[in-house]
N, C-alpha and C. Protein backbone atom coordinates (compact mmCIF):
# COMPACT_ATOMS: atom_id res chain seq x y z
N MET A 1 0.85 -1.16 0.00
CA MET A 1 0.00 0.00 0.00
C MET A 1 0.90 1.23 0.00
N ARG A 2 0.52 2.20 -0.80
CA ARG A 2 1.25 3.46 -0.89
C ARG A 2 0.27 4.60 -0.69
N VAL A 3 0.73 5.62 0.02
CA VAL A 3 -0.09 6.81 0.21
C VAL A 3 0.78 8.01 -0.16
N LEU A 4 0.37 8.72 -1.20
CA LEU A 4 1.03 9.96 -1.59
C LEU A 4 0.27 11.10 -0.94
N VAL A 5 0.94 11.80 -0.03
CA VAL A 5 0.29 12.84 0.77
C VAL A 5 0.75 14.21 0.33
N GLN A 6 -0.21 15.11 0.18
CA GLN A 6 0.10 16.50 -0.12
C GLN A 6 -0.52 17.38 0.96
N ARG A 7 0.26 18.32 1.45
CA ARG A 7 -0.27 19.31 2.37
C ARG A 7 -1.00 20.35 1.54
N VAL A 8 -2.24 20.63 1.90
CA VAL A 8 -3.08 21.52 1.08
C VAL A 8 -3.76 22.57 1.94
N SER A 9 -4.12 23.67 1.27
CA SER A 9 -4.97 24.66 1.93
C SER A 9 -6.42 24.46 1.53
N SER A 10 -6.64 23.68 0.46
CA SER A 10 -7.99 23.26 0.06
C SER A 10 -7.85 22.14 -0.97
N ALA A 11 -8.88 21.30 -1.04
CA ALA A 11 -8.89 20.23 -2.04
C ALA A 11 -10.33 19.76 -2.23
N ALA A 12 -10.62 19.34 -3.45
CA ALA A 12 -11.96 18.84 -3.76
C ALA A 12 -11.86 17.77 -4.84
N VAL A 13 -12.81 16.83 -4.81
CA VAL A 13 -12.92 15.79 -5.84
C VAL A 13 -14.28 15.95 -6.49
N LEU A 14 -14.27 15.99 -7.82
CA LEU A 14 -15.50 16.11 -8.58
C LEU A 14 -15.68 14.90 -9.48
N VAL A 15 -16.90 14.42 -9.56
CA VAL A 15 -17.28 13.35 -10.48
C VAL A 15 -18.46 13.89 -11.28
N ASP A 16 -18.33 13.89 -12.60
CA ASP A 16 -19.37 14.46 -13.47
C ASP A 16 -19.72 15.88 -13.05
N ASP A 17 -18.70 16.68 -12.75
CA ASP A 17 -18.84 18.09 -12.36
C ASP A 17 -19.59 18.30 -11.06
N GLU A 18 -19.73 17.26 -10.25
CA GLU A 18 -20.37 17.36 -8.96
C GLU A 18 -19.36 17.06 -7.86
N VAL A 19 -19.27 17.93 -6.86
CA VAL A 19 -18.34 17.71 -5.76
C VAL A 19 -18.82 16.53 -4.92
N VAL A 20 -17.93 15.51 -4.79
CA VAL A 20 -18.26 14.34 -3.98
C VAL A 20 -17.50 14.34 -2.66
N GLY A 21 -16.44 15.12 -2.57
CA GLY A 21 -15.66 15.24 -1.34
C GLY A 21 -14.83 16.50 -1.41
N ALA A 22 -14.74 17.22 -0.29
CA ALA A 22 -13.96 18.46 -0.29
C ALA A 22 -13.51 18.79 1.13
N ILE A 23 -12.34 19.40 1.22
CA ILE A 23 -11.87 19.96 2.49
C ILE A 23 -11.45 21.39 2.23
N ARG A 24 -11.84 22.25 3.11
CA ARG A 24 -11.47 23.65 3.07
C ARG A 24 -11.14 24.07 4.50
N PRO A 25 -9.97 23.62 4.97
CA PRO A 25 -9.61 23.87 6.37
C PRO A 25 -9.36 25.35 6.63
N ALA A 26 -9.53 25.75 7.89
CA ALA A 26 -9.19 27.11 8.28
C ALA A 26 -7.68 27.31 8.17
N GLY A 27 -6.92 26.23 8.36
CA GLY A 27 -5.46 26.26 8.25
C GLY A 27 -5.01 25.35 7.13
N GLN A 28 -4.48 24.20 7.51
CA GLN A 28 -3.98 23.24 6.54
C GLN A 28 -4.73 21.93 6.66
N GLY A 29 -4.73 21.17 5.57
CA GLY A 29 -5.30 19.83 5.53
C GLY A 29 -4.38 18.94 4.73
N LEU A 30 -4.80 17.70 4.56
CA LEU A 30 -4.00 16.73 3.82
C LEU A 30 -4.85 16.08 2.74
N LEU A 31 -4.24 15.89 1.59
CA LEU A 31 -4.83 15.14 0.49
C LEU A 31 -4.03 13.85 0.39
N ALA A 32 -4.70 12.71 0.52
CA ALA A 32 -4.03 11.41 0.52
C ALA A 32 -4.50 10.58 -0.66
N PHE A 33 -3.60 10.37 -1.62
CA PHE A 33 -3.86 9.47 -2.74
C PHE A 33 -3.42 8.08 -2.29
N VAL A 34 -4.33 7.11 -2.34
CA VAL A 34 -4.05 5.78 -1.80
C VAL A 34 -4.02 4.74 -2.92
N GLY A 35 -2.90 4.04 -3.03
CA GLY A 35 -2.75 2.96 -3.99
C GLY A 35 -2.60 1.63 -3.27
N VAL A 36 -3.19 0.59 -3.84
CA VAL A 36 -3.18 -0.74 -3.22
C VAL A 36 -2.61 -1.75 -4.21
N THR A 37 -1.78 -2.66 -3.69
CA THR A 37 -1.25 -3.74 -4.51
C THR A 37 -1.81 -5.08 -4.01
N HIS A 38 -1.54 -6.13 -4.73
CA HIS A 38 -2.16 -7.45 -4.50
C HIS A 38 -1.96 -8.01 -3.10
N SER A 39 -0.82 -7.79 -2.50
CA SER A 39 -0.49 -8.43 -1.22
C SER A 39 -0.89 -7.60 0.00
N ASP A 40 -1.53 -6.46 -0.20
CA ASP A 40 -1.90 -5.59 0.92
C ASP A 40 -3.04 -6.18 1.74
N ALA A 41 -3.08 -5.77 3.02
CA ALA A 41 -4.10 -6.27 3.94
C ALA A 41 -4.59 -5.13 4.83
N ALA A 42 -5.67 -5.39 5.56
CA ALA A 42 -6.31 -4.38 6.41
C ALA A 42 -5.35 -3.82 7.47
N ASP A 43 -4.46 -4.66 7.97
CA ASP A 43 -3.50 -4.18 8.98
C ASP A 43 -2.61 -3.08 8.42
N GLN A 44 -2.20 -3.21 7.16
CA GLN A 44 -1.38 -2.17 6.54
C GLN A 44 -2.17 -0.87 6.41
N ALA A 45 -3.44 -0.97 6.06
CA ALA A 45 -4.29 0.22 5.96
C ALA A 45 -4.37 0.93 7.30
N ARG A 46 -4.54 0.19 8.38
CA ARG A 46 -4.62 0.78 9.72
C ARG A 46 -3.29 1.43 10.12
N ARG A 47 -2.19 0.74 9.84
CA ARG A 47 -0.87 1.29 10.22
C ARG A 47 -0.53 2.53 9.41
N LEU A 48 -0.86 2.53 8.13
CA LEU A 48 -0.60 3.73 7.32
C LEU A 48 -1.50 4.88 7.73
N ALA A 49 -2.72 4.59 8.12
CA ALA A 49 -3.62 5.64 8.61
C ALA A 49 -3.03 6.29 9.87
N GLU A 50 -2.52 5.46 10.77
CA GLU A 50 -1.90 5.99 11.99
C GLU A 50 -0.68 6.83 11.65
N LYS A 51 0.13 6.35 10.72
CA LYS A 51 1.33 7.10 10.31
C LYS A 51 0.94 8.46 9.73
N LEU A 52 -0.05 8.46 8.84
CA LEU A 52 -0.49 9.72 8.24
C LEU A 52 -1.05 10.67 9.30
N TRP A 53 -1.88 10.17 10.19
CA TRP A 53 -2.54 10.99 11.20
C TRP A 53 -1.53 11.66 12.13
N THR A 54 -0.38 11.02 12.35
CA THR A 54 0.61 11.56 13.28
C THR A 54 1.86 12.12 12.59
N LEU A 55 1.86 12.14 11.27
CA LEU A 55 3.01 12.64 10.50
C LEU A 55 3.14 14.15 10.66
N ARG A 56 4.28 14.60 11.08
CA ARG A 56 4.49 16.02 11.39
C ARG A 56 4.95 16.80 10.16
N ILE A 57 3.99 17.08 9.27
CA ILE A 57 4.31 17.83 8.04
C ILE A 57 3.51 19.12 7.93
N LEU A 58 2.78 19.48 8.97
CA LEU A 58 2.06 20.75 8.96
C LEU A 58 2.94 21.83 9.58
N ASP A 59 2.51 23.08 9.54
CA ASP A 59 3.29 24.18 10.11
C ASP A 59 3.71 23.88 11.54
N ASP A 60 4.88 24.39 11.91
CA ASP A 60 5.44 24.23 13.25
C ASP A 60 5.61 22.76 13.65
N GLU A 61 5.87 21.91 12.66
CA GLU A 61 6.09 20.48 12.87
C GLU A 61 4.92 19.83 13.60
N LYS A 62 3.72 20.26 13.26
CA LYS A 62 2.50 19.68 13.82
C LYS A 62 1.99 18.58 12.90
N SER A 63 1.19 17.68 13.48
CA SER A 63 0.55 16.62 12.69
C SER A 63 -0.93 16.94 12.56
N ALA A 64 -1.61 16.20 11.69
CA ALA A 64 -3.05 16.36 11.55
C ALA A 64 -3.75 16.08 12.88
N SER A 65 -3.22 15.12 13.64
CA SER A 65 -3.83 14.81 14.94
C SER A 65 -3.65 15.95 15.94
N ASP A 66 -2.55 16.69 15.82
CA ASP A 66 -2.31 17.81 16.73
C ASP A 66 -3.32 18.94 16.54
N VAL A 67 -3.69 19.20 15.29
CA VAL A 67 -4.52 20.37 14.99
C VAL A 67 -5.90 20.01 14.44
N GLY A 68 -6.20 18.74 14.34
CA GLY A 68 -7.50 18.33 13.80
C GLY A 68 -7.67 18.65 12.33
N ALA A 69 -6.58 18.56 11.58
CA ALA A 69 -6.63 18.88 10.15
C ALA A 69 -7.47 17.86 9.39
N PRO A 70 -8.33 18.31 8.47
CA PRO A 70 -9.14 17.37 7.69
C PRO A 70 -8.28 16.67 6.63
N ILE A 71 -8.77 15.51 6.19
CA ILE A 71 -8.04 14.70 5.21
C ILE A 71 -9.00 14.27 4.11
N LEU A 72 -8.58 14.48 2.88
CA LEU A 72 -9.32 14.01 1.70
C LEU A 72 -8.60 12.78 1.18
N VAL A 73 -9.31 11.64 1.13
CA VAL A 73 -8.74 10.36 0.70
C VAL A 73 -9.27 10.05 -0.71
N VAL A 74 -8.34 9.79 -1.63
CA VAL A 74 -8.68 9.51 -3.02
C VAL A 74 -7.96 8.25 -3.47
N SER A 75 -8.70 7.27 -3.98
CA SER A 75 -8.07 6.05 -4.51
C SER A 75 -7.25 6.40 -5.75
N GLN A 76 -6.09 5.74 -5.88
CA GLN A 76 -5.17 6.11 -6.96
C GLN A 76 -4.36 4.89 -7.39
N PHE A 77 -4.94 4.05 -8.26
CA PHE A 77 -4.25 2.83 -8.68
C PHE A 77 -2.96 3.14 -9.43
N THR A 78 -2.84 4.33 -10.01
CA THR A 78 -1.66 4.66 -10.81
C THR A 78 -0.40 4.82 -9.96
N LEU A 79 -0.53 4.81 -8.63
CA LEU A 79 0.66 4.82 -7.78
C LEU A 79 1.48 3.54 -7.96
N TYR A 80 0.87 2.52 -8.54
CA TYR A 80 1.58 1.26 -8.80
C TYR A 80 1.91 1.08 -10.28
N ALA A 81 2.05 2.16 -11.00
CA ALA A 81 2.45 2.08 -12.41
C ALA A 81 3.89 1.57 -12.51
N ASN A 82 4.12 0.70 -13.47
CA ASN A 82 5.47 0.23 -13.77
C ASN A 82 5.85 0.86 -15.09
N THR A 83 6.86 1.74 -15.05
CA THR A 83 7.30 2.46 -16.25
C THR A 83 8.71 2.06 -16.67
N ALA A 84 9.19 0.92 -16.17
CA ALA A 84 10.56 0.50 -16.43
C ALA A 84 10.81 0.15 -17.89
N LYS A 85 9.78 -0.28 -18.59
CA LYS A 85 9.97 -0.79 -19.94
C LYS A 85 9.00 -0.07 -20.89
N GLY A 86 9.54 0.45 -21.95
CA GLY A 86 8.70 1.08 -22.97
C GLY A 86 8.11 2.40 -22.53
N ARG A 87 7.10 2.85 -23.27
CA ARG A 87 6.47 4.14 -23.00
C ARG A 87 5.06 4.02 -22.46
N ARG A 88 4.54 2.80 -22.39
CA ARG A 88 3.19 2.58 -21.87
C ARG A 88 3.29 1.95 -20.48
N PRO A 89 2.77 2.64 -19.44
CA PRO A 89 2.85 2.06 -18.10
C PRO A 89 2.06 0.75 -18.00
N SER A 90 2.56 -0.13 -17.16
CA SER A 90 1.84 -1.35 -16.84
C SER A 90 1.17 -1.15 -15.48
N TRP A 91 -0.04 -1.64 -15.35
CA TRP A 91 -0.79 -1.50 -14.09
C TRP A 91 -0.89 -2.85 -13.37
N ASN A 92 -0.08 -3.83 -13.75
CA ASN A 92 -0.16 -5.17 -13.18
C ASN A 92 0.02 -5.22 -11.66
N ALA A 93 0.79 -4.29 -11.10
CA ALA A 93 1.03 -4.30 -9.66
C ALA A 93 -0.14 -3.73 -8.86
N ALA A 94 -1.04 -3.02 -9.53
CA ALA A 94 -2.21 -2.46 -8.84
C ALA A 94 -3.23 -3.56 -8.57
N ALA A 95 -3.76 -3.56 -7.36
CA ALA A 95 -4.76 -4.58 -6.99
C ALA A 95 -6.07 -4.34 -7.73
N PRO A 96 -6.80 -5.40 -8.05
CA PRO A 96 -8.11 -5.24 -8.68
C PRO A 96 -9.12 -4.67 -7.67
N ARG A 97 -10.20 -4.17 -8.20
CA ARG A 97 -11.23 -3.51 -7.38
C ARG A 97 -11.67 -4.33 -6.16
N PRO A 98 -11.95 -5.64 -6.29
CA PRO A 98 -12.41 -6.39 -5.11
C PRO A 98 -11.40 -6.40 -3.95
N VAL A 99 -10.13 -6.22 -4.25
CA VAL A 99 -9.09 -6.15 -3.22
C VAL A 99 -8.89 -4.70 -2.77
N ALA A 100 -8.79 -3.80 -3.72
CA ALA A 100 -8.41 -2.41 -3.43
C ALA A 100 -9.52 -1.61 -2.76
N GLU A 101 -10.75 -1.72 -3.24
CA GLU A 101 -11.82 -0.86 -2.71
C GLU A 101 -12.02 -1.02 -1.20
N PRO A 102 -12.09 -2.25 -0.68
CA PRO A 102 -12.27 -2.35 0.78
C PRO A 102 -11.06 -1.85 1.57
N LEU A 103 -9.86 -1.92 1.00
CA LEU A 103 -8.68 -1.44 1.72
C LEU A 103 -8.60 0.08 1.74
N VAL A 104 -9.02 0.72 0.66
CA VAL A 104 -9.09 2.19 0.66
C VAL A 104 -10.14 2.63 1.69
N ALA A 105 -11.26 1.95 1.72
CA ALA A 105 -12.30 2.26 2.71
C ALA A 105 -11.78 2.01 4.13
N ALA A 106 -11.04 0.94 4.33
CA ALA A 106 -10.48 0.64 5.66
C ALA A 106 -9.50 1.72 6.10
N PHE A 107 -8.74 2.24 5.16
CA PHE A 107 -7.80 3.33 5.45
C PHE A 107 -8.57 4.56 5.92
N ALA A 108 -9.61 4.94 5.19
CA ALA A 108 -10.42 6.10 5.57
C ALA A 108 -11.11 5.87 6.91
N ASP A 109 -11.63 4.67 7.13
CA ASP A 109 -12.30 4.35 8.39
C ASP A 109 -11.32 4.38 9.57
N ALA A 110 -10.10 3.92 9.34
CA ALA A 110 -9.09 3.94 10.40
C ALA A 110 -8.73 5.38 10.79
N LEU A 111 -8.72 6.28 9.82
CA LEU A 111 -8.49 7.69 10.13
C LEU A 111 -9.64 8.25 10.95
N ARG A 112 -10.87 7.92 10.54
CA ARG A 112 -12.05 8.39 11.29
C ARG A 112 -12.04 7.86 12.72
N ALA A 113 -11.62 6.61 12.90
CA ALA A 113 -11.58 6.01 14.23
C ALA A 113 -10.59 6.74 15.14
N ARG A 114 -9.61 7.40 14.55
CA ARG A 114 -8.63 8.16 15.32
C ARG A 114 -9.10 9.59 15.57
N GLY A 115 -10.24 9.95 15.01
CA GLY A 115 -10.79 11.30 15.22
C GLY A 115 -10.68 12.23 14.04
N ALA A 116 -10.18 11.75 12.92
CA ALA A 116 -10.02 12.62 11.74
C ALA A 116 -11.36 12.89 11.07
N ARG A 117 -11.48 14.11 10.54
CA ARG A 117 -12.60 14.43 9.65
C ARG A 117 -12.13 14.06 8.25
N VAL A 118 -12.77 13.06 7.66
CA VAL A 118 -12.33 12.50 6.39
C VAL A 118 -13.41 12.66 5.33
N GLU A 119 -12.99 13.13 4.17
CA GLU A 119 -13.83 13.16 2.98
C GLU A 119 -13.18 12.19 1.99
N THR A 120 -13.95 11.70 1.03
CA THR A 120 -13.40 10.74 0.07
C THR A 120 -13.86 11.06 -1.35
N GLY A 121 -13.13 10.48 -2.29
CA GLY A 121 -13.55 10.48 -3.68
C GLY A 121 -14.50 9.31 -3.89
N THR A 122 -14.73 8.95 -5.16
CA THR A 122 -15.59 7.83 -5.52
C THR A 122 -14.72 6.76 -6.17
N PHE A 123 -14.62 5.61 -5.53
CA PHE A 123 -13.74 4.55 -6.01
C PHE A 123 -14.12 4.17 -7.45
N GLY A 124 -13.13 4.10 -8.32
CA GLY A 124 -13.32 3.63 -9.69
C GLY A 124 -13.89 4.65 -10.65
N ALA A 125 -14.29 5.81 -10.14
CA ALA A 125 -14.86 6.84 -11.01
C ALA A 125 -13.75 7.65 -11.66
N HIS A 126 -14.08 8.29 -12.77
CA HIS A 126 -13.17 9.27 -13.35
C HIS A 126 -13.34 10.54 -12.51
N MET A 127 -12.31 10.88 -11.75
CA MET A 127 -12.41 12.01 -10.82
C MET A 127 -11.54 13.16 -11.29
N ARG A 128 -12.03 14.34 -11.02
CA ARG A 128 -11.22 15.55 -11.21
C ARG A 128 -10.86 16.04 -9.81
N VAL A 129 -9.57 16.12 -9.54
CA VAL A 129 -9.10 16.55 -8.23
C VAL A 129 -8.55 17.96 -8.36
N GLU A 130 -9.12 18.85 -7.57
CA GLU A 130 -8.66 20.23 -7.53
C GLU A 130 -8.02 20.46 -6.17
N LEU A 131 -6.83 21.06 -6.17
CA LEU A 131 -6.15 21.29 -4.90
C LEU A 131 -5.28 22.52 -4.96
N THR A 132 -5.05 23.07 -3.79
CA THR A 132 -4.06 24.12 -3.63
C THR A 132 -3.01 23.55 -2.70
N ASN A 133 -1.86 23.19 -3.30
CA ASN A 133 -0.78 22.59 -2.54
C ASN A 133 -0.14 23.67 -1.69
N ASP A 134 0.15 23.35 -0.45
CA ASP A 134 0.72 24.32 0.49
C ASP A 134 2.16 23.95 0.77
N GLY A 135 3.07 24.76 0.29
CA GLY A 135 4.50 24.53 0.52
C GLY A 135 5.32 24.67 -0.75
N PRO A 136 5.27 23.78 -1.67
CA PRO A 136 4.54 22.53 -1.67
C PRO A 136 5.22 21.48 -0.78
N VAL A 137 4.39 20.65 -0.18
CA VAL A 137 4.87 19.53 0.61
C VAL A 137 4.17 18.27 0.09
N THR A 138 4.96 17.31 -0.42
CA THR A 138 4.45 16.06 -0.91
C THR A 138 5.34 14.93 -0.39
N VAL A 139 4.72 13.91 0.23
CA VAL A 139 5.47 12.82 0.86
C VAL A 139 4.85 11.50 0.45
N LEU A 140 5.69 10.50 0.14
CA LEU A 140 5.22 9.16 -0.17
C LEU A 140 5.38 8.29 1.07
N LEU A 141 4.27 7.69 1.52
CA LEU A 141 4.30 6.79 2.68
C LEU A 141 4.16 5.35 2.20
N GLU A 142 5.00 4.48 2.74
CA GLU A 142 4.91 3.04 2.49
C GLU A 142 5.34 2.34 3.77
N LEU A 143 4.91 1.10 3.91
CA LEU A 143 5.38 0.29 5.04
C LEU A 143 6.30 -0.80 4.52
């Protein structure tokens, strides 16, 4: 499981020009793109959620848990693109929907269980993600 995190001052996900999830924090928030591979399990989703919730990448070395920063979670199978050969990425390392969808949901639920205000995209939909990156700060989390 991989989570690409961006510190944002705002972020929204639109499907068919309709907002399905958005955060507009008074300060900073986090946008988490979540990719799942075949061997991932619910325990990894919980551990990555804890890592994200306590990661000190906000102003003054604060974490989302310190300031109650909202988090927008968006599924992103392309985090497992293999570009080593040729010009067309391979998506073989990305888990299929029956594996990935429940793990992305488990990740979001684990954040909520820790007290996070979480918004989400729509799994499998063509999404338009709008964001204002703050910093910019972008971090890749893996276990």
